[in-house]
N, C-alpha and C. Protein backbone atom coordinates (compact mmCIF):
# COMPACT_ATOMS: atom_id res chain seq x y z
N UNK A 1 -35.49 -12.30 2.39
CA UNK A 1 -35.13 -12.38 3.76
C UNK A 1 -33.59 -12.72 3.84
N UNK A 2 -33.12 -13.58 3.00
CA UNK A 2 -31.72 -13.91 3.02
C UNK A 2 -30.80 -12.68 2.65
N UNK A 3 -31.28 -11.94 1.68
CA UNK A 3 -30.56 -10.67 1.32
C UNK A 3 -30.54 -9.72 2.51
N UNK A 4 -31.64 -9.56 3.16
CA UNK A 4 -31.66 -8.66 4.27
C UNK A 4 -30.83 -9.13 5.36
N UNK A 5 -30.77 -10.42 5.70
CA UNK A 5 -29.87 -10.94 6.75
C UNK A 5 -28.46 -10.70 6.42
N UNK A 6 -28.07 -11.05 5.16
CA UNK A 6 -26.64 -10.81 4.75
C UNK A 6 -26.32 -9.32 4.79
N UNK A 7 -27.22 -8.47 4.28
CA UNK A 7 -26.93 -7.03 4.25
C UNK A 7 -26.74 -6.52 5.74
N UNK A 8 -27.68 -7.00 6.62
CA UNK A 8 -27.64 -6.52 7.98
C UNK A 8 -26.23 -7.01 8.65
N UNK A 9 -25.92 -8.25 8.45
CA UNK A 9 -24.69 -8.81 9.04
C UNK A 9 -23.48 -8.03 8.51
N UNK A 10 -23.46 -7.72 7.25
CA UNK A 10 -22.30 -7.05 6.65
C UNK A 10 -22.22 -5.58 7.17
N UNK A 11 -23.36 -4.91 7.22
CA UNK A 11 -23.30 -3.52 7.77
C UNK A 11 -22.91 -3.56 9.20
N UNK A 12 -23.41 -4.53 9.98
CA UNK A 12 -23.03 -4.64 11.40
C UNK A 12 -21.57 -4.92 11.60
N UNK A 13 -21.01 -5.77 10.73
CA UNK A 13 -19.60 -6.10 10.79
C UNK A 13 -18.71 -4.90 10.47
N UNK A 14 -19.13 -4.14 9.44
CA UNK A 14 -18.42 -2.94 9.15
C UNK A 14 -18.47 -2.03 10.38
N UNK A 15 -19.59 -1.79 10.98
CA UNK A 15 -19.77 -0.90 12.08
C UNK A 15 -18.90 -1.39 13.27
N UNK A 16 -18.94 -2.70 13.52
CA UNK A 16 -18.14 -3.31 14.59
C UNK A 16 -16.68 -3.09 14.38
N UNK A 17 -16.20 -3.36 13.14
CA UNK A 17 -14.74 -3.20 12.94
C UNK A 17 -14.29 -1.79 13.14
N UNK A 18 -15.03 -0.80 12.75
CA UNK A 18 -14.71 0.55 12.97
C UNK A 18 -14.76 0.96 14.47
N UNK A 19 -15.87 0.61 15.12
CA UNK A 19 -16.00 0.96 16.55
C UNK A 19 -14.89 0.35 17.39
N UNK A 20 -14.70 -0.99 17.10
CA UNK A 20 -13.72 -1.74 17.83
C UNK A 20 -12.32 -1.06 17.80
N UNK A 21 -11.86 -0.76 16.67
CA UNK A 21 -10.49 -0.28 16.48
C UNK A 21 -10.28 1.24 16.63
N UNK A 22 -11.39 1.95 16.66
CA UNK A 22 -11.30 3.39 16.88
C UNK A 22 -11.67 3.81 18.33
N UNK A 23 -12.68 3.15 18.97
CA UNK A 23 -13.15 3.68 20.18
C UNK A 23 -13.21 2.62 21.31
N UNK A 24 -13.76 1.45 21.01
CA UNK A 24 -14.06 0.56 22.08
C UNK A 24 -12.91 -0.15 22.75
N UNK A 25 -12.09 -0.78 21.92
CA UNK A 25 -10.94 -1.49 22.46
C UNK A 25 -9.74 -1.43 21.39
N UNK A 26 -9.26 -0.31 21.09
CA UNK A 26 -8.20 -0.24 20.07
C UNK A 26 -6.87 -0.78 20.61
N UNK A 27 -6.01 -1.16 19.78
CA UNK A 27 -4.75 -1.66 20.12
C UNK A 27 -3.90 -0.62 20.84
N UNK A 28 -4.01 0.64 20.39
CA UNK A 28 -3.31 1.81 20.89
C UNK A 28 -4.44 2.85 21.31
N UNK A 29 -4.18 3.54 22.45
CA UNK A 29 -5.07 4.61 22.86
C UNK A 29 -5.30 5.61 21.74
N UNK A 30 -6.50 5.93 21.53
CA UNK A 30 -6.82 6.96 20.49
C UNK A 30 -7.22 6.30 19.11
N UNK A 31 -7.18 5.04 19.09
CA UNK A 31 -7.45 4.35 17.77
C UNK A 31 -6.25 3.82 17.15
N UNK A 32 -6.46 2.85 16.25
CA UNK A 32 -5.32 2.26 15.57
C UNK A 32 -5.66 2.19 14.05
N UNK A 33 -4.62 1.95 13.27
CA UNK A 33 -4.79 1.84 11.83
C UNK A 33 -5.47 0.48 11.51
N UNK A 34 -5.60 -0.34 12.46
CA UNK A 34 -6.31 -1.62 12.19
C UNK A 34 -7.67 -1.40 11.85
N UNK A 35 -8.23 -0.17 12.04
CA UNK A 35 -9.54 0.13 11.61
C UNK A 35 -9.67 0.08 10.08
N UNK A 36 -8.63 0.00 9.45
CA UNK A 36 -8.69 -0.09 7.93
C UNK A 36 -9.12 -1.48 7.57
N UNK A 37 -9.14 -2.41 8.45
CA UNK A 37 -9.67 -3.65 8.15
C UNK A 37 -11.16 -3.67 7.73
N UNK A 38 -11.83 -2.56 7.96
CA UNK A 38 -13.21 -2.42 7.53
C UNK A 38 -13.29 -2.08 6.02
N UNK A 39 -12.27 -1.63 5.43
CA UNK A 39 -12.35 -1.23 4.02
C UNK A 39 -12.66 -2.39 3.07
N UNK A 40 -12.03 -3.54 3.22
CA UNK A 40 -12.41 -4.70 2.29
C UNK A 40 -13.88 -5.09 2.40
N UNK A 41 -14.49 -4.84 3.63
CA UNK A 41 -15.89 -5.14 3.74
C UNK A 41 -16.83 -4.22 2.94
N UNK A 42 -16.33 -3.00 2.64
CA UNK A 42 -17.09 -2.03 1.91
C UNK A 42 -17.20 -2.43 0.43
N UNK A 43 -16.16 -3.10 -0.03
CA UNK A 43 -16.13 -3.46 -1.46
C UNK A 43 -17.36 -4.20 -1.91
N UNK A 44 -17.84 -5.25 -1.19
CA UNK A 44 -18.94 -6.02 -1.62
C UNK A 44 -20.32 -5.43 -1.27
N UNK A 45 -20.29 -4.38 -0.50
CA UNK A 45 -21.57 -3.86 0.08
C UNK A 45 -22.57 -3.47 -1.02
N UNK A 46 -22.17 -2.80 -2.06
CA UNK A 46 -23.12 -2.39 -3.13
C UNK A 46 -23.74 -3.62 -3.82
N UNK A 47 -22.91 -4.66 -4.10
CA UNK A 47 -23.36 -5.82 -4.73
C UNK A 47 -24.22 -6.65 -3.87
N UNK A 48 -23.96 -6.67 -2.53
CA UNK A 48 -24.84 -7.38 -1.60
C UNK A 48 -26.13 -6.74 -1.48
N UNK A 49 -26.18 -5.39 -1.35
CA UNK A 49 -27.40 -4.75 -1.26
C UNK A 49 -28.34 -4.85 -2.52
N UNK A 50 -27.70 -4.98 -3.66
CA UNK A 50 -28.38 -5.14 -4.96
C UNK A 50 -28.68 -6.53 -5.24
N UNK A 51 -28.19 -7.47 -4.44
CA UNK A 51 -28.51 -8.92 -4.61
C UNK A 51 -27.80 -9.55 -5.84
N UNK A 52 -26.58 -9.12 -6.09
CA UNK A 52 -25.79 -9.69 -7.17
C UNK A 52 -25.21 -11.03 -6.68
N UNK A 53 -25.58 -12.06 -7.36
CA UNK A 53 -25.17 -13.43 -7.00
C UNK A 53 -23.62 -13.60 -6.92
N UNK A 54 -22.96 -13.07 -8.00
CA UNK A 54 -21.45 -13.15 -7.95
C UNK A 54 -20.80 -12.56 -6.77
N UNK A 55 -21.36 -11.39 -6.40
CA UNK A 55 -20.81 -10.62 -5.21
C UNK A 55 -20.91 -11.51 -3.95
N UNK A 56 -22.11 -12.13 -3.87
CA UNK A 56 -22.36 -13.10 -2.71
C UNK A 56 -21.30 -14.23 -2.73
N UNK A 57 -20.97 -14.75 -3.86
CA UNK A 57 -20.04 -15.77 -4.01
C UNK A 57 -18.68 -15.47 -3.50
N UNK A 58 -18.12 -14.34 -4.11
CA UNK A 58 -16.77 -14.05 -3.65
C UNK A 58 -16.66 -13.37 -2.29
N UNK A 59 -17.71 -12.74 -1.90
CA UNK A 59 -17.73 -12.08 -0.49
C UNK A 59 -17.86 -13.19 0.52
N UNK A 60 -18.42 -14.28 0.23
CA UNK A 60 -18.47 -15.37 1.26
C UNK A 60 -17.04 -15.90 1.55
N UNK A 61 -16.20 -15.85 0.55
CA UNK A 61 -14.80 -16.25 0.75
C UNK A 61 -13.97 -15.21 1.57
N UNK A 62 -14.28 -13.92 1.32
CA UNK A 62 -13.65 -12.84 1.93
C UNK A 62 -13.97 -12.81 3.46
N UNK A 63 -15.25 -13.16 3.72
CA UNK A 63 -15.63 -13.06 5.17
C UNK A 63 -14.99 -14.07 6.02
N UNK A 64 -14.38 -15.10 5.45
CA UNK A 64 -13.68 -16.13 6.19
C UNK A 64 -12.45 -15.58 6.84
N UNK A 65 -11.87 -14.56 6.33
CA UNK A 65 -10.75 -13.89 6.91
C UNK A 65 -11.13 -13.21 8.27
N UNK A 66 -12.33 -12.64 8.26
CA UNK A 66 -12.84 -12.01 9.44
C UNK A 66 -13.21 -13.01 10.53
N UNK A 67 -13.67 -14.13 10.11
CA UNK A 67 -13.99 -15.23 11.04
C UNK A 67 -12.65 -15.67 11.67
N UNK A 68 -11.68 -15.87 10.84
CA UNK A 68 -10.36 -16.26 11.40
C UNK A 68 -9.82 -15.25 12.33
N UNK A 69 -9.88 -14.01 12.02
CA UNK A 69 -9.42 -12.99 12.99
C UNK A 69 -10.21 -12.98 14.28
N UNK A 70 -11.48 -13.21 14.23
CA UNK A 70 -12.33 -13.26 15.34
C UNK A 70 -11.94 -14.43 16.26
N UNK A 71 -11.71 -15.53 15.64
CA UNK A 71 -11.22 -16.76 16.40
C UNK A 71 -9.93 -16.44 17.09
N UNK A 72 -8.98 -15.91 16.32
CA UNK A 72 -7.68 -15.61 16.90
C UNK A 72 -7.67 -14.66 18.02
N UNK A 73 -8.45 -13.58 17.84
CA UNK A 73 -8.48 -12.58 18.86
C UNK A 73 -9.32 -12.97 20.09
N UNK A 74 -10.33 -13.83 19.87
CA UNK A 74 -11.08 -14.35 20.98
C UNK A 74 -10.21 -15.26 21.83
N UNK A 75 -9.36 -16.01 21.10
CA UNK A 75 -8.39 -16.95 21.82
C UNK A 75 -7.37 -16.12 22.66
N UNK A 76 -6.86 -15.06 22.10
CA UNK A 76 -5.69 -14.33 22.69
C UNK A 76 -6.03 -13.19 23.49
N UNK A 77 -7.15 -12.47 23.23
CA UNK A 77 -7.48 -11.22 23.95
C UNK A 77 -8.31 -11.61 25.19
N UNK A 78 -8.51 -10.58 26.01
CA UNK A 78 -9.40 -10.79 27.19
C UNK A 78 -10.28 -9.52 27.30
N UNK A 79 -11.23 -9.57 28.17
CA UNK A 79 -12.19 -8.52 28.49
C UNK A 79 -13.02 -8.14 27.33
N UNK A 80 -13.15 -6.82 27.12
CA UNK A 80 -14.03 -6.27 25.98
C UNK A 80 -13.52 -6.79 24.66
N UNK A 81 -12.19 -6.81 24.44
CA UNK A 81 -11.70 -7.23 23.18
C UNK A 81 -12.15 -8.66 22.76
N UNK A 82 -12.20 -9.53 23.77
CA UNK A 82 -12.67 -10.88 23.52
C UNK A 82 -14.16 -10.84 23.19
N UNK A 83 -14.96 -10.09 23.84
CA UNK A 83 -16.37 -10.04 23.50
C UNK A 83 -16.62 -9.52 22.14
N UNK A 84 -15.81 -8.51 21.76
CA UNK A 84 -15.88 -7.95 20.39
C UNK A 84 -15.54 -9.00 19.31
N UNK A 85 -14.54 -9.75 19.69
CA UNK A 85 -14.04 -10.84 18.82
C UNK A 85 -15.16 -11.91 18.63
N UNK A 86 -15.80 -12.19 19.68
CA UNK A 86 -16.93 -13.20 19.61
C UNK A 86 -18.01 -12.62 18.71
N UNK A 87 -18.29 -11.35 18.84
CA UNK A 87 -19.30 -10.70 18.04
C UNK A 87 -18.91 -10.73 16.64
N UNK A 88 -17.62 -10.51 16.31
CA UNK A 88 -17.10 -10.58 14.91
C UNK A 88 -17.34 -11.97 14.41
N UNK A 89 -17.10 -13.00 15.19
CA UNK A 89 -17.30 -14.37 14.78
C UNK A 89 -18.76 -14.63 14.42
N UNK A 90 -19.59 -14.21 15.30
CA UNK A 90 -21.04 -14.48 15.06
C UNK A 90 -21.55 -13.72 13.81
N UNK A 91 -21.11 -12.48 13.61
CA UNK A 91 -21.55 -11.76 12.45
C UNK A 91 -20.99 -12.38 11.18
N UNK A 92 -19.69 -12.74 11.21
CA UNK A 92 -19.14 -13.37 10.05
C UNK A 92 -19.85 -14.66 9.68
N UNK A 93 -20.09 -15.52 10.64
CA UNK A 93 -20.81 -16.72 10.40
C UNK A 93 -22.29 -16.43 9.87
N UNK A 94 -22.92 -15.45 10.44
CA UNK A 94 -24.24 -15.10 9.99
C UNK A 94 -24.19 -14.67 8.52
N UNK A 95 -23.24 -13.79 8.19
CA UNK A 95 -23.07 -13.41 6.75
C UNK A 95 -22.82 -14.56 5.91
N UNK A 96 -21.93 -15.45 6.29
CA UNK A 96 -21.52 -16.61 5.52
C UNK A 96 -22.72 -17.53 5.21
N UNK A 97 -23.46 -17.76 6.31
CA UNK A 97 -24.66 -18.69 6.14
C UNK A 97 -25.70 -18.03 5.29
N UNK A 98 -26.01 -16.77 5.38
CA UNK A 98 -26.95 -16.10 4.57
C UNK A 98 -26.54 -16.02 3.12
N UNK A 99 -25.24 -15.71 2.91
CA UNK A 99 -24.69 -15.56 1.55
C UNK A 99 -24.74 -16.91 0.87
N UNK A 100 -24.32 -17.95 1.52
CA UNK A 100 -24.38 -19.27 0.84
C UNK A 100 -25.86 -19.71 0.55
N UNK A 101 -26.76 -19.49 1.49
CA UNK A 101 -28.12 -19.82 1.31
C UNK A 101 -28.72 -19.01 0.14
N UNK A 102 -28.35 -17.71 0.05
CA UNK A 102 -28.86 -16.92 -1.09
C UNK A 102 -28.32 -17.41 -2.36
N UNK A 103 -27.09 -17.77 -2.43
CA UNK A 103 -26.51 -18.24 -3.71
C UNK A 103 -27.16 -19.53 -4.11
N UNK A 104 -27.42 -20.39 -3.12
CA UNK A 104 -28.05 -21.73 -3.38
C UNK A 104 -29.45 -21.51 -3.92
N UNK A 105 -30.23 -20.62 -3.29
CA UNK A 105 -31.64 -20.36 -3.70
C UNK A 105 -31.66 -19.65 -5.04
N UNK A 106 -30.81 -18.80 -5.30
CA UNK A 106 -30.79 -17.98 -6.57
C UNK A 106 -30.18 -18.84 -7.72
N UNK A 107 -29.60 -19.99 -7.51
CA UNK A 107 -28.99 -20.78 -8.52
C UNK A 107 -30.14 -21.31 -9.53
N UNK A 108 -31.22 -21.59 -8.99
CA UNK A 108 -32.33 -22.07 -9.92
C UNK A 108 -32.84 -20.94 -10.81
N UNK A 109 -32.81 -19.72 -10.37
CA UNK A 109 -33.34 -18.59 -11.13
C UNK A 109 -32.34 -18.14 -12.18
N UNK A 110 -31.05 -18.54 -12.04
CA UNK A 110 -29.99 -18.05 -13.00
C UNK A 110 -30.01 -18.89 -14.26
């Protein structure tokens, strides 16, 4: 269940990052290069889907950058961009919590 929650949150965060910067509320009309922020999220995707404990450990640190971006943009943006930033914060926290819980539970098995 924790793996499924982490996987779903990571996939949703990738989709949100792409949709946000390409279509929903890009910094520039027609999309922005900020959509490349989704690329680092793709790096741990395979390991998360396969349940690799080490991937959960380092990706839980990576996700904190997305939480920080969400907080910053929720504070400074308005309208749809603020709502998307809040969604990014929620998804980042969901992944972080699921990843840490998965690492804690799998510690006994290792």
